[in-house]
Amino acid sequence: MSSFRRDDAHILNPPEAAASHVRPDLGAARRGTFSIVIPAKNEAGNLPHLLDEIARAFRPLIAEGEGRHRLEAYEVVIVDDGSTDGSAEVLRDLGELHPELRSVILARNVGQSAATAAGFRASRGDWVGVLDADLQNPPADLAILWGALPGHDAALGWRRTREDVWTKRIISRMANRARNWFLGQSIRDTGCSVRIFPREVALRLPMFHGSHRFFGPLLIREGCRIVQMPVTHRPRTRGKSNYHFGNRSVRVVVDLLGVAWLLRRPVRCEVAEVIGMPGAMTAGQRANAAQEVGR
């Protein structure tokens, strides 16, 4: 059971109503508010331990951090992806013990990428971190990536030693080499779930079934400066993996072709000046403008 003390000082407040549609400079200073997005399917046995580890890793950062990259507040957004093991009930109970927890219960299973996208939309931090719910990646490693962020726009973990069956390790190694060769990049571990990047970028990423395997290449497409850090990988002790060779083979190749196309077709523009008062457009004008853009 959690020993987390109730302290609302570190919980994120709702976002402000106004938001700019002009892309900010990726190098500009950001506030240190952080949303940890975790898609979860049938991980009820791991959830209490997961939240305990997150609390132990991130509460000290709030108490001791300083400077421009000080962590001001964090939240944990767990997206229950159509679980059938009582995960929703476990999350409701954990919400009483962990005030930083926000649970998103999906009506049906939609897959890891779609569940992650739902977490991005529900998040309220300036930064988002992504983590799996199976506890194979310690949440403390996400805190290490947070410390490596200054001077970069995104931090990606790579598993120094994988604690999986040998077939998974070989397939993963071959897949990484194939992706990097085909895309002309050097992402060390595209399958590692431990990542941090700005929420504004997360909401711009093209999302599709399987996109969670390509966050590194897609972040490069957005112009992010990336740092890659080694992270720990532990054996799974509860639950079972939702992935196998059958759902990682042919469709991954198809996804790779799609991502290669996306990398070669980016749309970029730099705003030199915005003339006119904000909010001067009427509701009818905004609707017409939206229709014009959609054509």
Protein backbone atom coordinates (compact mmCIF):
# COMPACT_ATOMS: atom_id res chain seq x y z
CA MET A 1 0.00 0.00 0.00
CA SER A 2 1.23 3.48 -0.78
CA SER A 3 2.98 5.61 1.81
CA PHE A 4 2.53 8.72 -0.30
CA ARG A 5 1.64 11.76 1.81
CA ARG A 6 -1.27 13.91 0.68
CA ASP A 7 0.24 17.22 -0.36
CA ASP A 8 -1.57 19.22 -3.03
CA ALA A 9 1.30 21.66 -3.51
CA HIS A 10 2.78 19.65 -6.38
CA ILE A 11 -0.45 18.89 -8.27
CA LEU A 12 -0.99 20.55 -11.62
CA ASN A 13 -3.80 23.05 -11.99
CA PRO A 14 -6.14 23.05 -15.00
CA PRO A 15 -4.70 24.68 -18.14
CA GLU A 16 -5.47 28.29 -18.86
CA ALA A 17 -8.25 28.91 -21.34
CA ALA A 18 -6.21 30.83 -23.90
CA ALA A 19 -3.64 29.06 -26.02
CA SER A 20 -1.42 30.30 -28.81
CA HIS A 21 -1.61 28.60 -32.20
CA VAL A 22 1.80 29.95 -33.19
CA ARG A 23 4.54 27.36 -32.75
CA PRO A 24 6.91 28.55 -29.99
CA ASP A 25 10.66 28.32 -30.32
CA LEU A 26 11.77 24.85 -29.24
CA GLY A 27 14.78 26.39 -27.56
CA ALA A 28 12.76 28.79 -25.43
CA ALA A 29 12.61 28.31 -21.66
CA ARG A 30 9.64 26.29 -20.41
CA ARG A 31 8.12 25.98 -16.98
CA GLY A 32 8.90 22.79 -15.12
CA THR A 33 5.45 21.21 -15.03
CA PHE A 34 5.47 17.55 -15.99
CA SER A 35 2.82 14.99 -16.99
CA ILE A 36 3.78 11.30 -16.87
CA VAL A 37 1.56 9.50 -19.41
CA ILE A 38 1.16 5.75 -18.90
CA PRO A 39 -1.02 3.55 -21.13
CA ALA A 40 -2.07 0.43 -19.24
CA LYS A 41 -3.93 -2.72 -20.22
CA ASN A 42 -4.54 -5.41 -17.60
CA GLU A 43 -1.81 -4.15 -15.26
CA ALA A 44 -3.89 -4.03 -12.04
CA GLY A 45 -1.19 -5.88 -10.07
CA ASN A 46 1.50 -3.37 -11.09
CA LEU A 47 -0.37 -0.10 -10.59
CA PRO A 48 0.11 0.35 -6.80
CA HIS A 49 3.83 -0.38 -7.06
CA LEU A 50 4.15 1.84 -10.12
CA LEU A 51 2.67 4.87 -8.35
CA ASP A 52 4.80 4.25 -5.26
CA GLU A 53 7.98 4.23 -7.37
CA ILE A 54 6.95 7.38 -9.23
CA ALA A 55 6.32 9.18 -5.93
CA ARG A 56 9.72 8.15 -4.58
CA ALA A 57 11.43 9.30 -7.77
CA PHE A 58 9.72 12.65 -8.34
CA ARG A 59 8.81 14.10 -4.95
CA PRO A 60 12.49 14.74 -4.11
CA LEU A 61 12.91 16.62 -7.40
CA ILE A 62 10.19 19.06 -6.35
CA ALA A 63 11.65 19.49 -2.87
CA GLU A 64 15.26 19.88 -3.93
CA GLY A 65 15.29 21.14 -7.52
CA GLU A 66 16.39 24.64 -8.43
CA GLY A 67 17.21 26.80 -11.43
CA ARG A 68 15.47 27.09 -14.77
CA HIS A 69 14.81 23.36 -14.98
CA ARG A 70 13.31 23.03 -11.51
CA LEU A 71 10.36 20.65 -11.39
CA GLU A 72 7.46 22.78 -10.18
CA ALA A 73 4.69 20.18 -10.30
CA TYR A 74 3.90 16.78 -11.77
CA GLU A 75 0.91 14.60 -12.46
CA VAL A 76 0.49 10.95 -13.45
CA VAL A 77 -2.00 10.31 -16.25
CA ILE A 78 -2.79 6.59 -16.46
CA VAL A 79 -4.93 5.59 -19.42
CA ASP A 80 -6.80 2.33 -18.81
CA ASP A 81 -6.95 0.83 -22.29
CA GLY A 82 -10.04 -1.38 -21.97
CA SER A 83 -8.65 -3.56 -19.18
CA THR A 84 -10.63 -6.61 -18.05
CA ASP A 85 -8.75 -7.29 -14.79
CA GLY A 86 -10.34 -4.64 -12.58
CA SER A 87 -7.74 -1.96 -13.31
CA ALA A 88 -10.39 0.79 -13.30
CA GLU A 89 -11.43 -0.08 -9.74
CA VAL A 90 -7.80 -0.21 -8.63
CA LEU A 91 -7.21 3.24 -10.12
CA ARG A 92 -10.25 4.67 -8.33
CA ASP A 93 -8.90 3.40 -5.02
CA LEU A 94 -5.40 4.66 -5.74
CA GLY A 95 -6.76 8.11 -6.50
CA GLU A 96 -7.59 8.46 -2.79
CA LEU A 97 -3.96 7.85 -1.89
CA HIS A 98 -2.20 9.61 -4.76
CA PRO A 99 -3.58 13.11 -5.36
CA GLU A 100 -1.31 13.56 -8.37
CA LEU A 101 -3.05 10.66 -10.18
CA ARG A 102 -5.50 11.34 -13.00
CA SER A 103 -7.09 8.25 -14.54
CA VAL A 104 -8.56 8.12 -18.04
CA ILE A 105 -10.79 5.07 -18.47
CA LEU A 106 -11.35 4.23 -22.12
CA ALA A 107 -14.64 2.67 -23.20
CA ARG A 108 -12.85 -0.09 -25.12
CA ASN A 109 -9.39 -1.30 -26.00
CA VAL A 110 -7.83 0.94 -28.68
CA GLY A 111 -4.16 -0.04 -28.55
CA GLN A 112 -1.05 1.51 -27.02
CA SER A 113 -0.61 4.34 -29.51
CA ALA A 114 -4.21 5.55 -29.31
CA ALA A 115 -4.20 5.25 -25.52
CA THR A 116 -0.98 7.28 -25.38
CA ALA A 117 -2.55 9.94 -27.61
CA ALA A 118 -5.51 10.11 -25.21
CA GLY A 119 -3.04 10.66 -22.38
CA PHE A 120 -1.34 13.49 -24.28
CA ARG A 121 -4.67 15.24 -24.74
CA ALA A 122 -5.59 14.78 -21.07
CA SER A 123 -2.21 15.99 -19.80
CA ARG A 124 -1.69 19.51 -18.44
CA GLY A 125 2.07 19.81 -18.02
CA ASP A 126 4.52 21.73 -20.19
CA TRP A 127 6.40 18.45 -20.64
CA VAL A 128 5.15 14.91 -21.10
CA GLY A 129 6.98 11.76 -20.13
CA VAL A 130 5.98 8.33 -21.43
CA LEU A 131 6.33 5.16 -19.40
CA ASP A 132 4.98 1.62 -19.61
CA ALA A 133 2.90 0.24 -16.75
CA ASP A 134 4.66 -3.14 -16.54
CA LEU A 135 7.46 -1.82 -14.26
CA GLN A 136 10.18 -3.22 -16.50
CA ASN A 137 11.48 0.34 -16.80
CA PRO A 138 11.95 1.88 -13.34
CA PRO A 139 10.26 5.29 -12.99
CA ALA A 140 13.52 6.52 -11.45
CA ASP A 141 15.03 6.35 -14.93
CA LEU A 142 12.43 8.84 -16.13
CA ALA A 143 13.74 11.19 -13.43
CA ILE A 144 17.26 10.68 -14.82
CA LEU A 145 16.03 11.73 -18.26
CA TRP A 146 14.44 14.82 -16.70
CA GLY A 147 17.84 15.80 -15.34
CA ALA A 148 19.42 15.34 -18.80
CA LEU A 149 16.94 17.66 -20.56
CA PRO A 150 18.63 21.09 -20.17
CA GLY A 151 19.96 22.13 -23.56
CA HIS A 152 17.72 19.67 -25.40
CA ASP A 153 14.10 19.42 -26.51
CA ALA A 154 13.64 15.70 -25.88
CA ALA A 155 15.26 12.90 -23.91
CA LEU A 156 15.04 9.26 -25.02
CA GLY A 157 16.06 6.21 -23.05
CA TRP A 158 17.83 3.17 -24.44
CA ARG A 159 17.87 -0.13 -22.60
CA ARG A 160 21.43 -1.02 -21.68
CA THR A 161 20.52 -4.66 -20.92
CA ARG A 162 17.14 -6.12 -21.86
CA GLU A 163 15.60 -8.58 -19.42
CA ASP A 164 13.44 -10.37 -21.99
CA VAL A 165 13.50 -13.76 -23.68
CA TRP A 166 16.26 -14.10 -26.26
CA THR A 167 13.86 -14.06 -29.19
CA LYS A 168 12.54 -10.61 -28.19
CA ARG A 169 16.06 -9.28 -27.78
CA ILE A 170 17.15 -10.48 -31.22
CA ILE A 171 14.01 -9.19 -32.95
CA SER A 172 14.37 -5.82 -31.22
CA ARG A 173 18.03 -5.50 -32.18
CA MET A 174 17.29 -6.33 -35.82
CA ALA A 175 14.33 -3.95 -35.89
CA ASN A 176 16.40 -1.06 -34.51
CA ARG A 177 19.10 -1.56 -37.12
CA ALA A 178 16.55 -1.81 -39.92
CA ARG A 179 14.71 1.35 -38.80
CA ASN A 180 17.89 3.39 -38.50
CA TRP A 181 19.24 2.20 -41.85
CA PHE A 182 15.96 2.81 -43.66
CA LEU A 183 15.26 6.19 -42.04
CA GLY A 184 18.87 7.41 -42.02
CA GLN A 185 18.85 8.06 -38.27
CA SER A 186 20.67 6.84 -35.16
CA ILE A 187 17.99 6.23 -32.53
CA ARG A 188 19.55 3.58 -30.30
CA ASP A 189 16.34 1.98 -29.03
CA THR A 190 13.09 2.96 -30.73
CA GLY A 191 11.18 0.40 -28.65
CA CYS A 192 12.16 1.87 -25.28
CA SER A 193 9.14 3.52 -23.68
CA VAL A 194 11.07 5.95 -21.44
CA ARG A 195 10.87 9.35 -23.15
CA ILE A 196 10.33 13.03 -22.35
CA PHE A 197 9.41 15.83 -24.76
CA PRO A 198 7.31 19.03 -24.80
CA ARG A 199 3.54 18.61 -24.69
CA GLU A 200 3.20 21.13 -27.51
CA VAL A 201 5.22 18.74 -29.69
CA ALA A 202 3.35 15.66 -28.45
CA LEU A 203 0.06 17.14 -29.66
CA ARG A 204 1.56 17.75 -33.12
CA LEU A 205 2.95 14.26 -33.66
CA PRO A 206 1.15 12.25 -36.35
CA MET A 207 -0.56 9.49 -34.39
CA PHE A 208 -1.49 6.11 -35.88
CA HIS A 209 -1.63 2.53 -34.64
CA GLY A 210 2.02 1.71 -33.96
CA SER A 211 3.26 5.31 -33.75
CA HIS A 212 4.58 4.75 -30.21
CA ARG A 213 7.42 2.73 -31.79
CA PHE A 214 8.51 5.74 -33.85
CA PHE A 215 8.44 8.63 -31.39
CA GLY A 216 12.20 9.16 -31.78
CA PRO A 217 12.13 9.57 -35.59
CA LEU A 218 8.95 11.66 -35.38
CA LEU A 219 10.52 13.99 -32.81
CA ILE A 220 13.48 14.49 -35.13
CA ARG A 221 10.97 15.32 -37.87
CA GLU A 222 9.63 18.10 -35.60
CA GLY A 223 13.11 19.60 -35.27
CA CYS A 224 13.78 18.46 -31.70
CA ARG A 225 17.30 18.36 -30.31
CA ILE A 226 17.53 14.92 -28.72
CA VAL A 227 19.67 13.45 -25.96
CA GLN A 228 19.78 9.66 -25.49
CA MET A 229 20.45 8.15 -22.08
CA PRO A 230 20.97 4.53 -20.93
CA VAL A 231 18.18 3.18 -18.72
CA THR A 232 17.55 0.01 -16.73
CA HIS A 233 15.35 -2.84 -17.86
CA ARG A 234 13.91 -5.33 -15.37
CA PRO A 235 12.19 -8.69 -15.75
CA ARG A 236 8.40 -8.60 -15.71
CA THR A 237 7.15 -9.96 -12.38
CA ARG A 238 3.37 -9.45 -12.70
CA GLY A 239 0.94 -9.74 -15.58
CA LYS A 240 1.91 -10.72 -19.10
CA SER A 241 3.04 -8.91 -22.22
CA ASN A 242 0.42 -7.80 -24.72
CA TYR A 243 2.89 -8.15 -27.61
CA HIS A 244 4.18 -11.12 -29.57
CA PHE A 245 5.81 -11.77 -32.95
CA GLY A 246 2.44 -11.91 -34.71
CA ASN A 247 1.46 -8.34 -33.82
CA ARG A 248 4.94 -6.89 -34.30
CA SER A 249 6.03 -8.24 -37.68
CA VAL A 250 4.29 -7.32 -40.93
CA ARG A 251 2.46 -4.28 -39.58
CA VAL A 252 5.73 -2.82 -38.27
CA VAL A 253 7.20 -3.00 -41.78
CA VAL A 254 4.16 -1.21 -43.17
CA ASP A 255 4.45 1.43 -40.43
CA LEU A 256 8.13 1.90 -41.27
CA LEU A 257 7.26 2.71 -44.87
CA GLY A 258 4.66 5.21 -43.70
CA VAL A 259 7.07 6.92 -41.30
CA ALA A 260 9.73 7.13 -44.03
CA TRP A 261 7.16 8.94 -46.20
CA LEU A 262 6.27 11.30 -43.34
CA LEU A 263 9.92 12.17 -42.70
CA ARG A 264 10.32 13.20 -46.31
CA ARG A 265 7.16 15.36 -46.39
CA PRO A 266 7.37 17.78 -43.44
CA VAL A 267 5.45 21.06 -43.54
CA ARG A 268 7.25 23.94 -41.85
CA CYS A 269 6.70 27.66 -41.73
CA GLU A 270 8.19 30.50 -39.74
CA VAL A 271 5.89 33.30 -38.62
CA ALA A 272 7.52 36.67 -39.25
CA GLU A 273 4.69 38.81 -37.90
CA VAL A 274 1.09 38.57 -36.74
CA ILE A 275 -1.02 41.66 -37.49
CA GLY A 276 -4.37 42.26 -35.84
CA MET A 277 -5.89 42.05 -32.40
CA PRO A 278 -6.36 38.57 -30.87
CA GLY A 279 -9.97 37.49 -30.86
CA ALA A 280 -10.99 40.02 -33.53
CA MET A 281 -12.38 37.29 -35.79
CA THR A 282 -16.06 36.50 -35.32
CA ALA A 283 -17.36 32.97 -34.79
CA GLY A 284 -18.63 32.90 -38.39
CA GLN A 285 -15.28 34.04 -39.75
CA ARG A 286 -13.47 31.38 -37.74
CA ALA A 287 -15.79 28.69 -39.12
CA ASN A 288 -15.22 29.89 -42.69
CA ALA A 289 -11.48 30.01 -42.17
CA ALA A 290 -11.51 26.46 -40.81
CA GLN A 291 -13.39 25.29 -43.90
CA GLU A 292 -10.88 27.01 -46.19
CA VAL A 293 -7.98 25.34 -44.42
CA GLY A 294 -9.68 21.97 -44.68
CA ARG A 295 -10.04 22.16 -48.48
